[in-house]
């Protein structure tokens, strides 16, 4: 018999049970509550869409693009009063070349967790490059547009491309930036970057990364020593003939920082009596003072000036010196000391292009890294993570509200 037949006992039983059931419980203003929930969901989705819509153009304008070259900015020709650290996800030089550099330094506080070259461009951009352990830190060209990279060669900061010129390891630039001074185990060569021509300048017992070419190109300064005599000196050789100059120093530590020529080639700055371990106590350094910075005559070796700190010299600015001391760049001269730039506490071996040392404006605005100038692919990953987090938060809020509005 069908349960739909009139007078069915099954139907009557179900109807009786339905009459005995309590009425369903609905929250007050259920219709209004549903509308509010739909509005919240639409608002959350709209917020996510809006965030993505804003982030994509921002990433496109600020992020790296292969072959992008930074253009000139209002701060070009000025040394910033402070530079900071790059972000862990900062773009590399190869991905997005920064153009001519304002300053370069090395640090271990990057995604590479080891020696990293940080270049701050004249447009304020920060770019990084991993260093090869054991290689020298490099040297900026006079106009800041290229960088000597360890033993690898020359890196063009405008294009991000590297090439290795012949003639050995490049260690210094000519004044016009067209040639590099390169060394092999015993030879010191001058290499034309445009033609690749190599001209041998000198053959010595041993070469070092601290070999420097005079601004006029007629002399070379480098450290030399005699193990038998236990003596060390700075040697200046006249390439066109003439008597060599030997400036005695107290130990090999005095030549830890390379000699620096003045712009006219008449003076050389170097350190003497250096004791790098002075902070460890008199037992290490035999109670010696930390050393001093001296300026000598490039022809006679006579001391012209002396300063009471063994600062690392970056270059001459007229009669004054631009030096590094304790992560600070100072202008040192007859008028005393003046702070020019502050570096991060983990920054090491800063380099400043010669044109800014000699003619750049000092005391420019501080420059910090742009977090949106990220390495390729990082912005996409960050966007995906942000969307997942937003979705997870929305789901949790929805569950909490659902439980609160419909008590069991």
Protein backbone atom coordinates (compact mmCIF):
# COMPACT_ATOMS: atom_id res chain seq x y z
CA UNK A 1 0.00 0.00 0.00
CA UNK A 2 1.32 3.45 -0.87
CA UNK A 3 2.08 5.90 1.98
CA UNK A 4 0.23 8.61 0.08
CA UNK A 5 -3.10 6.80 0.40
CA UNK A 6 -5.59 8.75 2.50
CA UNK A 7 -5.82 7.42 5.99
CA UNK A 8 -2.34 5.90 5.82
CA UNK A 9 -1.04 5.11 9.32
CA UNK A 10 2.50 6.10 8.28
CA UNK A 11 1.36 9.52 7.17
CA UNK A 12 -0.65 10.03 10.29
CA UNK A 13 2.30 9.03 12.46
CA UNK A 14 4.68 11.46 10.70
CA UNK A 15 2.15 14.26 10.97
CA UNK A 16 1.74 13.59 14.68
CA UNK A 17 5.49 13.64 15.21
CA UNK A 18 5.80 16.91 13.28
CA UNK A 19 3.15 18.49 15.49
CA UNK A 20 5.11 17.50 18.59
CA UNK A 21 8.48 18.93 17.35
CA UNK A 22 9.47 22.40 18.66
CA UNK A 23 9.54 25.18 16.07
CA UNK A 24 12.91 25.79 14.36
CA UNK A 25 15.10 28.46 15.98
CA UNK A 26 16.34 31.25 13.81
CA UNK A 27 18.44 34.21 14.97
CA UNK A 28 16.82 37.58 15.13
CA UNK A 29 16.98 39.55 11.92
CA UNK A 30 18.22 36.51 9.97
CA UNK A 31 17.65 38.22 6.65
CA UNK A 32 19.68 41.30 7.66
CA UNK A 33 22.45 39.08 9.05
CA UNK A 34 22.72 37.23 5.76
CA UNK A 35 22.94 40.47 3.83
CA UNK A 36 25.71 41.75 6.13
CA UNK A 37 27.68 38.53 5.62
CA UNK A 38 27.39 38.79 1.87
CA UNK A 39 28.59 42.39 2.01
CA UNK A 40 31.58 41.40 4.16
CA UNK A 41 32.55 38.65 1.75
CA UNK A 42 32.29 40.97 -1.20
CA UNK A 43 34.35 43.58 0.65
CA UNK A 44 37.07 41.03 1.47
CA UNK A 45 37.25 39.82 -2.12
CA UNK A 46 37.32 43.41 -3.38
CA UNK A 47 40.15 44.26 -0.96
CA UNK A 48 42.25 41.34 -2.21
CA UNK A 49 41.59 42.25 -5.84
CA UNK A 50 42.43 45.89 -5.13
CA UNK A 51 45.67 44.94 -3.35
CA UNK A 52 46.76 42.82 -6.30
CA UNK A 53 45.76 45.56 -8.74
CA UNK A 54 47.89 48.07 -6.84
CA UNK A 55 50.84 45.73 -6.21
CA UNK A 56 51.30 44.63 -9.81
CA UNK A 57 51.83 48.14 -11.25
CA UNK A 58 54.03 49.04 -8.28
CA UNK A 59 56.17 45.96 -8.84
CA UNK A 60 56.31 46.66 -12.57
CA UNK A 61 57.56 50.21 -12.08
CA UNK A 62 59.94 49.56 -9.16
CA UNK A 63 60.99 45.97 -9.74
CA UNK A 64 63.84 44.74 -11.93
CA UNK A 65 63.61 44.11 -15.62
CA UNK A 66 66.45 42.51 -17.59
CA UNK A 67 68.57 45.11 -19.31
CA UNK A 68 67.02 48.03 -17.42
CA UNK A 69 69.52 50.85 -16.94
CA UNK A 70 68.98 53.45 -14.27
CA UNK A 71 68.63 56.95 -15.63
CA UNK A 72 70.05 60.12 -14.11
CA UNK A 73 68.42 61.52 -11.00
CA UNK A 74 68.38 64.80 -9.15
CA UNK A 75 70.93 63.43 -6.67
CA UNK A 76 73.51 62.57 -9.35
CA UNK A 77 76.91 63.92 -8.41
CA UNK A 78 76.18 63.94 -4.67
CA UNK A 79 77.40 61.66 -1.90
CA UNK A 80 74.50 60.62 0.35
CA UNK A 81 74.87 61.36 4.06
CA UNK A 82 73.84 57.80 4.88
CA UNK A 83 73.39 54.49 3.09
CA UNK A 84 71.70 51.42 4.53
CA UNK A 85 71.44 47.70 4.00
CA UNK A 86 69.84 46.01 1.01
CA UNK A 87 66.77 43.86 1.51
CA UNK A 88 67.31 40.10 1.58
CA UNK A 89 65.38 39.81 -1.68
CA UNK A 90 67.15 42.72 -3.38
CA UNK A 91 67.65 42.45 -7.13
CA UNK A 92 71.08 41.55 -8.46
CA UNK A 93 73.30 43.66 -10.69
CA UNK A 94 72.86 41.20 -13.53
CA UNK A 95 69.05 41.29 -13.35
CA UNK A 96 68.67 45.07 -13.11
CA UNK A 97 71.86 47.11 -13.58
CA UNK A 98 71.98 50.18 -11.31
CA UNK A 99 74.02 52.38 -13.65
CA UNK A 100 76.93 54.47 -12.33
CA UNK A 101 77.59 53.87 -8.65
CA UNK A 102 77.63 56.32 -5.79
CA UNK A 103 79.22 53.92 -3.34
CA UNK A 104 80.02 50.23 -3.10
CA UNK A 105 80.68 48.09 -0.04
CA UNK A 106 80.71 44.45 1.02
CA UNK A 107 78.63 42.69 3.66
CA UNK A 108 77.68 39.21 4.88
CA UNK A 109 74.12 40.23 5.83
CA UNK A 110 72.31 39.23 2.63
CA UNK A 111 70.47 36.23 1.26
CA UNK A 112 73.85 34.74 0.27
CA UNK A 113 74.95 34.61 3.96
CA UNK A 114 78.53 35.32 2.90
CA UNK A 115 80.61 38.01 1.21
CA UNK A 116 78.33 40.09 -1.02
CA UNK A 117 79.02 43.19 -3.08
CA UNK A 118 76.43 45.94 -2.58
CA UNK A 119 76.27 48.74 -5.16
CA UNK A 120 74.23 51.90 -4.52
CA UNK A 121 73.45 53.60 -7.82
CA UNK A 122 73.24 57.35 -8.35
CA UNK A 123 69.48 57.01 -8.75
CA UNK A 124 69.29 55.53 -5.23
CA UNK A 125 68.89 51.92 -6.34
CA UNK A 126 70.49 49.06 -4.39
CA UNK A 127 71.81 46.00 -6.19
CA UNK A 128 73.83 43.02 -4.95
CA UNK A 129 76.25 40.44 -6.30
CA UNK A 130 77.68 37.36 -4.62
CA UNK A 131 81.45 37.40 -4.19
CA UNK A 132 83.75 34.46 -4.77
CA UNK A 133 85.48 33.63 -1.49
CA UNK A 134 89.16 34.49 -1.57
CA UNK A 135 88.82 37.04 -4.36
CA UNK A 136 89.53 40.74 -3.93
CA UNK A 137 86.56 43.06 -3.43
CA UNK A 138 86.95 45.00 -6.67
CA UNK A 139 87.49 48.64 -7.55
CA UNK A 140 85.12 51.17 -9.13
CA UNK A 141 86.11 52.99 -12.30
CA UNK A 142 86.69 56.78 -12.03
CA UNK A 143 83.17 57.51 -13.33
CA UNK A 144 81.53 54.74 -11.27
CA UNK A 145 80.19 52.96 -14.37
CA UNK A 146 82.27 49.78 -14.11
CA UNK A 147 83.66 47.54 -11.42
CA UNK A 148 86.71 45.28 -11.23
CA UNK A 149 85.26 42.02 -9.95
CA UNK A 150 87.68 39.83 -8.04
CA UNK A 151 89.69 37.75 -10.48
CA UNK A 152 86.80 37.56 -12.92
CA UNK A 153 87.31 40.75 -14.89
CA UNK A 154 85.28 43.90 -15.50
CA UNK A 155 81.58 44.27 -14.69
CA UNK A 156 79.64 46.98 -16.54
CA UNK A 157 77.13 48.49 -14.11
CA UNK A 158 75.12 49.99 -16.97
CA UNK A 159 74.43 46.69 -18.73
CA UNK A 160 75.15 44.05 -16.07
CA UNK A 161 77.53 42.23 -18.41
CA UNK A 162 81.00 40.98 -17.43
CA UNK A 163 84.04 40.32 -19.53
CA UNK A 164 87.54 39.22 -18.69
CA UNK A 165 90.28 41.22 -20.39
CA UNK A 166 93.66 39.62 -21.11
CA UNK A 167 96.82 40.42 -19.20
CA UNK A 168 96.12 38.93 -15.78
CA UNK A 169 94.08 40.11 -12.80
CA UNK A 170 92.84 43.71 -13.16
CA UNK A 171 93.67 45.72 -10.01
CA UNK A 172 93.45 49.43 -10.92
CA UNK A 173 92.13 51.92 -13.47
CA UNK A 174 93.81 54.54 -15.57
CA UNK A 175 92.67 58.09 -14.94
CA UNK A 176 90.42 58.14 -18.00
CA UNK A 177 88.96 54.68 -17.30
CA UNK A 178 89.95 53.31 -20.71
CA UNK A 179 92.73 51.08 -19.44
CA UNK A 180 93.26 48.77 -16.48
CA UNK A 181 96.41 47.84 -14.63
CA UNK A 182 96.63 44.05 -14.47
CA UNK A 183 99.03 41.71 -12.72
CA UNK A 184 100.17 38.15 -13.13
CA UNK A 185 102.51 36.30 -10.78
CA UNK A 186 105.45 38.51 -11.79
CA UNK A 187 104.29 40.90 -14.51
CA UNK A 188 102.53 44.26 -14.24
CA UNK A 189 100.66 45.06 -17.46
CA UNK A 190 98.55 47.86 -18.88
CA UNK A 191 95.52 46.63 -20.84
CA UNK A 192 93.44 48.68 -23.28
CA UNK A 193 89.81 47.65 -22.71
CA UNK A 194 88.62 48.71 -26.16
CA UNK A 195 91.27 46.85 -28.20
CA UNK A 196 92.51 44.21 -25.75
CA UNK A 197 96.13 45.25 -26.32
CA UNK A 198 98.45 44.26 -23.46
CA UNK A 199 101.61 46.24 -22.71
CA UNK A 200 104.07 44.91 -20.18
CA UNK A 201 105.17 47.70 -17.84
CA UNK A 202 107.31 45.93 -15.29
CA UNK A 203 108.55 42.55 -14.11
CA UNK A 204 109.01 42.10 -10.36
CA UNK A 205 109.60 39.24 -7.93
CA UNK A 206 105.98 39.21 -6.80
CA UNK A 207 102.90 41.32 -7.52
CA UNK A 208 100.00 42.26 -5.24
CA UNK A 209 96.43 43.51 -5.55
CA UNK A 210 97.62 46.79 -4.02
CA UNK A 211 99.54 47.87 -7.12
CA UNK A 212 98.46 51.37 -8.18
CA UNK A 213 99.03 53.44 -11.35
CA UNK A 214 99.74 57.16 -11.01
CA UNK A 215 97.19 59.62 -12.50
CA UNK A 216 99.72 60.64 -15.16
CA UNK A 217 100.39 57.00 -16.04
CA UNK A 218 104.17 57.34 -15.79
CA UNK A 219 104.73 55.66 -12.39
CA UNK A 220 103.60 52.62 -10.46
CA UNK A 221 103.43 52.26 -6.65
CA UNK A 222 103.36 48.91 -4.91
CA UNK A 223 104.51 47.21 -1.74
CA UNK A 224 107.75 45.27 -1.68
CA UNK A 225 109.79 43.54 0.99
CA UNK A 226 112.90 41.52 1.71
CA UNK A 227 112.55 38.41 3.85
CA UNK A 228 116.30 38.22 4.47
CA UNK A 229 116.52 41.85 5.59
CA UNK A 230 113.09 41.72 7.30
CA UNK A 231 112.22 45.05 5.74
CA UNK A 232 109.16 46.35 3.89
CA UNK A 233 108.79 49.48 1.81
CA UNK A 234 106.58 51.24 -0.70
CA UNK A 235 108.28 51.23 -4.07
CA UNK A 236 107.57 53.84 -6.74
CA UNK A 237 108.89 53.00 -10.21
CA UNK A 238 109.30 55.53 -13.06
CA UNK A 239 108.22 53.73 -16.22
CA UNK A 240 110.08 56.15 -18.48
CA UNK A 241 113.36 55.73 -16.65
CA UNK A 242 114.77 57.47 -13.62
CA UNK A 243 115.61 56.55 -10.08
CA UNK A 244 113.06 54.47 -8.16
CA UNK A 245 111.74 55.64 -4.82
CA UNK A 246 111.57 53.45 -1.73
CA UNK A 247 109.51 54.69 1.21
CA UNK A 248 110.29 52.56 4.29
CA UNK A 249 107.41 51.31 6.43
CA UNK A 250 107.54 49.47 9.73
CA UNK A 251 105.79 46.22 8.78
CA UNK A 252 103.84 44.51 6.03
CA UNK A 253 100.64 45.56 7.85
CA UNK A 254 101.37 49.13 6.84
CA UNK A 255 100.63 48.17 3.24
CA UNK A 256 97.45 46.28 4.07
CA UNK A 257 95.61 49.24 2.57
CA UNK A 258 96.87 50.09 -0.95
CA UNK A 259 98.68 53.42 -1.49
CA UNK A 260 96.57 56.27 -2.87
CA UNK A 261 97.79 58.86 -5.38
CA UNK A 262 96.73 62.48 -5.29
CA UNK A 263 95.05 63.86 -8.41
CA UNK A 264 98.19 65.69 -9.53
CA UNK A 265 100.44 62.67 -8.93
CA UNK A 266 102.71 64.56 -6.54
CA UNK A 267 101.64 62.93 -3.29
CA UNK A 268 100.93 59.45 -1.99
CA UNK A 269 98.91 58.54 1.12
CA UNK A 270 99.72 55.40 3.11
CA UNK A 271 99.72 54.12 6.68
CA UNK A 272 102.68 53.55 8.99
CA UNK A 273 103.15 51.77 12.30
CA UNK A 274 99.84 49.97 11.95
CA UNK A 275 98.74 47.49 14.61
CA UNK A 276 95.37 46.08 13.60
CA UNK A 277 95.05 44.06 16.81
CA UNK A 278 95.45 47.02 19.17
CA UNK A 279 91.95 46.48 20.54
CA UNK A 280 92.95 43.04 21.81
CA UNK A 281 95.35 44.43 24.39
CA UNK A 282 99.03 45.29 24.84
CA UNK A 283 100.11 41.64 24.90
CA UNK A 284 99.17 41.34 21.23
CA UNK A 285 100.52 44.65 19.98
CA UNK A 286 103.30 45.18 22.55
CA UNK A 287 101.59 48.37 23.74
CA UNK A 288 102.05 50.00 20.35
CA UNK A 289 99.72 52.80 19.22
CA UNK A 290 97.33 51.84 16.41
CA UNK A 291 99.44 53.67 13.82
CA UNK A 292 99.04 56.81 11.73
CA UNK A 293 98.19 58.03 8.26
CA UNK A 294 100.89 59.91 6.37
CA UNK A 295 101.13 61.81 3.09
CA UNK A 296 104.53 61.61 1.40
CA UNK A 297 106.13 63.38 -1.52
CA UNK A 298 105.94 61.04 -4.54
CA UNK A 299 109.40 62.14 -5.73
CA UNK A 300 111.42 62.25 -2.51
CA UNK A 301 109.43 60.17 -0.02
CA UNK A 302 109.52 62.98 2.54
CA UNK A 303 106.54 63.13 4.90
CA UNK A 304 104.38 66.14 4.17
CA UNK A 305 101.54 65.54 6.62
CA UNK A 306 100.66 63.09 9.37
CA UNK A 307 97.33 62.15 10.98
CA UNK A 308 96.95 60.24 14.27
CA UNK A 309 94.68 57.48 12.92
CA UNK A 310 95.56 54.68 10.46
CA UNK A 311 92.48 55.36 8.35
CA UNK A 312 91.87 53.71 5.02
CA UNK A 313 92.21 56.43 2.38
CA UNK A 314 89.62 56.54 -0.41
CA UNK A 315 91.12 59.49 -2.25
CA UNK A 316 92.33 63.09 -2.23
CA UNK A 317 89.90 66.00 -2.35
CA UNK A 318 92.19 68.92 -3.00
CA UNK A 319 94.52 69.07 -0.03
CA UNK A 320 92.15 67.05 2.14
CA UNK A 321 91.61 63.30 2.34
CA UNK A 322 88.43 61.24 2.17
CA UNK A 323 88.95 58.32 4.58
CA UNK A 324 87.04 55.44 6.15
CA UNK A 325 87.00 54.91 9.91
CA UNK A 326 84.62 52.70 11.88
CA UNK A 327 81.94 52.49 9.16
CA UNK A 328 82.06 56.24 8.63
CA UNK A 329 83.41 58.28 5.72
CA UNK A 330 85.29 61.37 6.92
CA UNK A 331 86.82 64.39 5.25
CA UNK A 332 90.15 64.95 7.02
CA UNK A 333 92.34 68.02 6.55
CA UNK A 334 93.73 71.17 8.06
CA UNK A 335 90.27 72.22 9.24
CA UNK A 336 89.83 69.01 11.22
CA UNK A 337 87.42 66.15 10.59
CA UNK A 338 83.97 66.21 9.07
CA UNK A 339 81.57 63.30 8.76
CA UNK A 340 80.52 62.85 5.13
CA UNK A 341 78.68 59.52 5.09
CA UNK A 342 77.54 56.86 7.54
CA UNK A 343 77.55 53.19 6.54
CA UNK A 344 75.80 50.14 8.02
CA UNK A 345 77.61 48.52 10.95
CA UNK A 346 78.25 45.38 8.89
CA UNK A 347 79.61 47.24 5.83
CA UNK A 348 83.23 46.62 4.89
CA UNK A 349 85.73 48.09 2.40
CA UNK A 350 83.62 50.89 0.89
CA UNK A 351 84.61 52.29 -2.51
CA UNK A 352 83.60 55.67 -3.95
CA UNK A 353 84.19 56.69 -7.60
CA UNK A 354 87.00 59.15 -8.17
CA UNK A 355 84.77 61.80 -9.78
CA UNK A 356 82.60 61.98 -6.66
CA UNK A 357 85.62 61.99 -4.35
CA UNK A 358 87.17 64.95 -6.11
CA UNK A 359 84.12 66.93 -7.32
CA UNK A 360 80.96 65.43 -5.87
CA UNK A 361 78.63 67.35 -3.58
CA UNK A 362 79.00 66.26 0.04
CA UNK A 363 76.14 65.81 2.47
CA UNK A 364 73.43 64.66 0.08
CA UNK A 365 70.17 63.10 1.31
CA UNK A 366 70.23 59.67 2.92
CA UNK A 367 69.42 56.78 0.56
CA UNK A 368 67.59 53.62 1.61
CA UNK A 369 66.84 50.47 -0.37
CA UNK A 370 63.52 50.02 -2.17
CA UNK A 371 61.82 46.82 -0.90
CA UNK A 372 59.87 46.45 -4.16
CA UNK A 373 63.07 46.23 -6.24
CA UNK A 374 63.17 42.47 -5.73
CA UNK A 375 64.91 39.70 -7.57
CA UNK A 376 63.04 37.99 -10.39
CA UNK A 377 60.14 35.81 -9.27
CA UNK A 378 60.13 37.00 -5.67
CA UNK A 379 57.28 39.47 -6.16
CA UNK A 380 55.08 36.75 -7.65
CA UNK A 381 55.85 34.42 -4.73
CA UNK A 382 55.15 37.19 -2.23
CA UNK A 383 51.81 37.91 -3.91
CA UNK A 384 50.77 34.25 -3.79
CA UNK A 385 51.68 34.00 -0.11
CA UNK A 386 49.73 37.20 0.65
CA UNK A 387 46.64 35.82 -1.09
CA UNK A 388 46.88 32.51 0.80
CA UNK A 389 47.22 34.33 4.12
CA UNK A 390 44.27 36.58 3.31
CA UNK A 391 42.14 33.57 2.38
CA UNK A 392 43.11 31.72 5.57
CA UNK A 393 42.22 34.75 7.72
CA UNK A 394 38.88 35.09 5.97
CA UNK A 395 38.08 31.41 6.55
CA UNK A 396 38.92 31.62 10.26
CA UNK A 397 36.83 34.75 10.75
CA UNK A 398 33.93 33.16 8.93
CA UNK A 399 34.05 30.03 11.11
CA UNK A 400 34.25 32.04 14.34
CA UNK A 401 31.28 34.22 13.38
CA UNK A 402 29.30 31.20 12.22
CA UNK A 403 29.71 29.47 15.56
CA UNK A 404 28.85 32.63 17.46
CA UNK A 405 25.63 33.29 15.56
CA UNK A 406 24.32 29.73 15.58
CA UNK A 407 24.80 28.31 19.08
CA UNK A 408 24.30 24.60 19.43
